[in-house]
C-alpha atoms as a PDB file:
ATOM      1  CA  MET A   1    -157.019  79.023-111.215  1.00  0.00           C
ATOM      2  CA  ALA A   2    -159.568  81.533-111.941  1.00  0.00           C
ATOM      3  CA  PHE A   3    -160.062  84.972-110.238  1.00  0.00           C
ATOM      4  CA  HIS A   4    -163.476  86.166-109.591  1.00  0.00           C
ATOM      5  CA  LEU A   5    -164.698  89.800-109.571  1.00  0.00           C
ATOM      6  CA  GLN A   6    -166.293  90.656-106.216  1.00  0.00           C
ATOM      7  CA  ALA A   7    -169.420  92.876-106.311  1.00  0.00           C
ATOM      8  CA  GLU A   8    -169.662  92.942-102.358  1.00  0.00           C
ATOM      9  CA  TRP A   9    -166.446  94.254-100.675  1.00  0.00           C
ATOM     10  CA  PHE A  10    -167.744  94.116 -97.046  1.00  0.00           C
ATOM     11  CA  PRO A  11    -167.474  90.367 -96.431  1.00  0.00           C
ATOM     12  CA  LEU A  12    -163.751  90.419 -97.812  1.00  0.00           C
ATOM     13  CA  VAL A  13    -162.431  91.857 -94.441  1.00  0.00           C
ATOM     14  CA  GLY A  14    -159.473  89.584 -93.658  1.00  0.00           C
ATOM     15  CA  GLN A  15    -159.173  87.958 -97.084  1.00  0.00           C
ATOM     16  CA  HIS A  16    -156.167  88.019 -99.411  1.00  0.00           C
ATOM     17  CA  VAL A  17    -157.505  90.094-102.690  1.00  0.00           C
ATOM     18  CA  VAL A  18    -156.144  91.813-105.829  1.00  0.00           C
ATOM     19  CA  ILE A  19    -157.069  95.359-106.665  1.00  0.00           C
ATOM     20  CA  ARG A  20    -157.523  96.122-110.250  1.00  0.00           C
ATOM     21  CA  ARG A  21    -158.222  99.335-111.989  1.00  0.00           C
ATOM     22  CA  GLN A  22    -158.841  99.556-116.058  1.00  0.00           C
ATOM     23  CA  GLY A  23    -157.622  96.022-116.359  1.00  0.00           C
ATOM     24  CA  GLN A  24    -154.136  96.476-114.580  1.00  0.00           C
ATOM     25  CA  ILE A  25    -153.124  95.312-111.224  1.00  0.00           C
ATOM     26  CA  VAL A  26    -152.744  97.953-108.729  1.00  0.00           C
ATOM     27  CA  ARG A  27    -151.961  96.049-105.570  1.00  0.00           C
ATOM     28  CA  HIS A  28    -152.579  92.839-103.703  1.00  0.00           C
ATOM     29  CA  GLY A  29    -152.928  92.212-100.025  1.00  0.00           C
ATOM     30  CA  THR A  30    -155.125  91.605 -97.126  1.00  0.00           C
ATOM     31  CA  VAL A  31    -158.371  93.681 -96.576  1.00  0.00           C
ATOM     32  CA  ASP A  32    -158.283  95.582 -93.309  1.00  0.00           C
ATOM     33  CA  ALA A  33    -161.658  97.271 -93.411  1.00  0.00           C
ATOM     34  CA  VAL A  34    -164.578  98.129 -95.734  1.00  0.00           C
ATOM     35  CA  THR A  35    -167.268 100.740 -95.227  1.00  0.00           C
ATOM     36  CA  GLN A  36    -170.689  99.267 -94.814  1.00  0.00           C
ATOM     37  CA  ASP A  37    -171.890 100.880 -98.163  1.00  0.00           C
ATOM     38  CA  ASP A  38    -169.174  98.736 -99.985  1.00  0.00           C
ATOM     39  CA  GLY A  39    -167.810 102.013-101.400  1.00  0.00           C
ATOM     40  CA  VAL A  40    -164.390 102.137 -99.795  1.00  0.00           C
ATOM     41  CA  LEU A  41    -161.777  99.322 -98.963  1.00  0.00           C
ATOM     42  CA  TRP A  42    -158.373  99.574 -97.109  1.00  0.00           C
ATOM     43  CA  LEU A  43    -155.687  97.015 -97.488  1.00  0.00           C
ATOM     44  CA  ASN A  44    -153.470  96.469 -94.524  1.00  0.00           C
ATOM     45  CA  SER A  45    -149.767  97.580 -94.529  1.00  0.00           C
ATOM     46  CA  GLU A  46    -147.647  94.777 -95.547  1.00  0.00           C
ATOM     47  CA  GLY A  47    -143.792  94.842 -95.796  1.00  0.00           C
ATOM     48  CA  THR A  48    -142.990  98.357 -97.276  1.00  0.00           C
ATOM     49  CA  ALA A  49    -146.572  99.097 -98.685  1.00  0.00           C
ATOM     50  CA  HIS A  50    -148.559 101.389 -96.320  1.00  0.00           C
ATOM     51  CA  ARG A  51    -152.116 100.831 -95.483  1.00  0.00           C
ATOM     52  CA  GLN A  52    -154.040 102.105 -98.557  1.00  0.00           C
ATOM     53  CA  LEU A  53    -157.580 103.185 -99.500  1.00  0.00           C
ATOM     54  CA  PHE A  54    -159.534 102.228-102.755  1.00  0.00           C
ATOM     55  CA  GLU A  55    -162.720 103.739-103.697  1.00  0.00           C
ATOM     56  CA  ARG A  56    -165.041 101.824-105.866  1.00  0.00           C
ATOM     57  CA  SER A  57    -166.307 105.225-107.494  1.00  0.00           C
ATOM     58  CA  ALA A  58    -162.709 105.795-108.801  1.00  0.00           C
ATOM     59  CA  GLY A  59    -162.847 102.632-110.801  1.00  0.00           C
ATOM     60  CA  PHE A  60    -161.147 100.047-108.509  1.00  0.00           C
ATOM     61  CA  GLU A  61    -162.339  96.431-108.682  1.00  0.00           C
ATOM     62  CA  VAL A  62    -161.598  93.753-106.221  1.00  0.00           C
ATOM     63  CA  TRP A  63    -160.858  90.155-107.241  1.00  0.00           C
ATOM     64  CA  ILE A  64    -160.185  86.964-105.323  1.00  0.00           C
ATOM     65  CA  ALA A  65    -159.146  83.425-105.991  1.00  0.00           C
ATOM     66  CA  TYR A  66    -161.679  81.409-104.097  1.00  0.00           C
ATOM     67  CA  ARG A  67    -159.851  79.331-101.204  1.00  0.00           C
ATOM     68  CA  TRP A  68    -160.955  75.945-102.592  1.00  0.00           C
ATOM     69  CA  GLU A  69    -159.190  76.716-105.963  1.00  0.00           C
ATOM     70  CA  HIS A  70    -155.835  77.204-104.438  1.00  0.00           C
ATOM     71  CA  GLY A  71    -154.262  75.775-101.787  1.00  0.00           C
ATOM     72  CA  SER A  72    -152.810  78.549 -99.570  1.00  0.00           C
ATOM     73  CA  ALA A  73    -154.180  82.151 -99.797  1.00  0.00           C
ATOM     74  CA  LYS A  74    -150.729  83.210 -98.079  1.00  0.00           C
ATOM     75  CA  ASP A  75    -148.823  82.010-101.242  1.00  0.00           C
ATOM     76  CA  LEU A  76    -148.879  85.057-103.443  1.00  0.00           C
ATOM     77  CA  ASP A  77    -146.440  84.215-106.120  1.00  0.00           C
ATOM     78  CA  TRP A  78    -149.118  83.037-108.455  1.00  0.00           C
ATOM     79  CA  ILE A  79    -151.037  86.373-108.591  1.00  0.00           C
ATOM     80  CA  GLU A  80    -149.109  88.385-111.374  1.00  0.00           C
ATOM     81  CA  SER A  81    -148.384  85.238-113.436  1.00  0.00           C
ATOM     82  CA  SER A  82    -152.027  84.330-113.304  1.00  0.00           C
ATOM     83  CA  TRP A  83    -153.057  87.580-114.462  1.00  0.00           C
ATOM     84  CA  ASN A  84    -150.639  87.703-117.382  1.00  0.00           C
ATOM     85  CA  ASN A  85    -152.186  84.587-118.641  1.00  0.00           C
ATOM     86  CA  ASP A  86    -155.528  86.098-119.379  1.00  0.00           C
END
């Protein structure tokens, strides 16, 4: 499975994504909202994680595994193991 860097954030609302900064996974979750200029993205609160804001200007990147490359976007066990195989 391959992850893909997303240049446009606005179309990702409702999608499961991985947030990276300086080559490290920061968090993964479902995109709640994005500003129309693609500069700011919020991830939903999930479990003990609060809703969180990420700014492109601060060096955050958004990566996604396309649905046709993986059976279930809700199955997140594969995320960290996949990144460790880079």
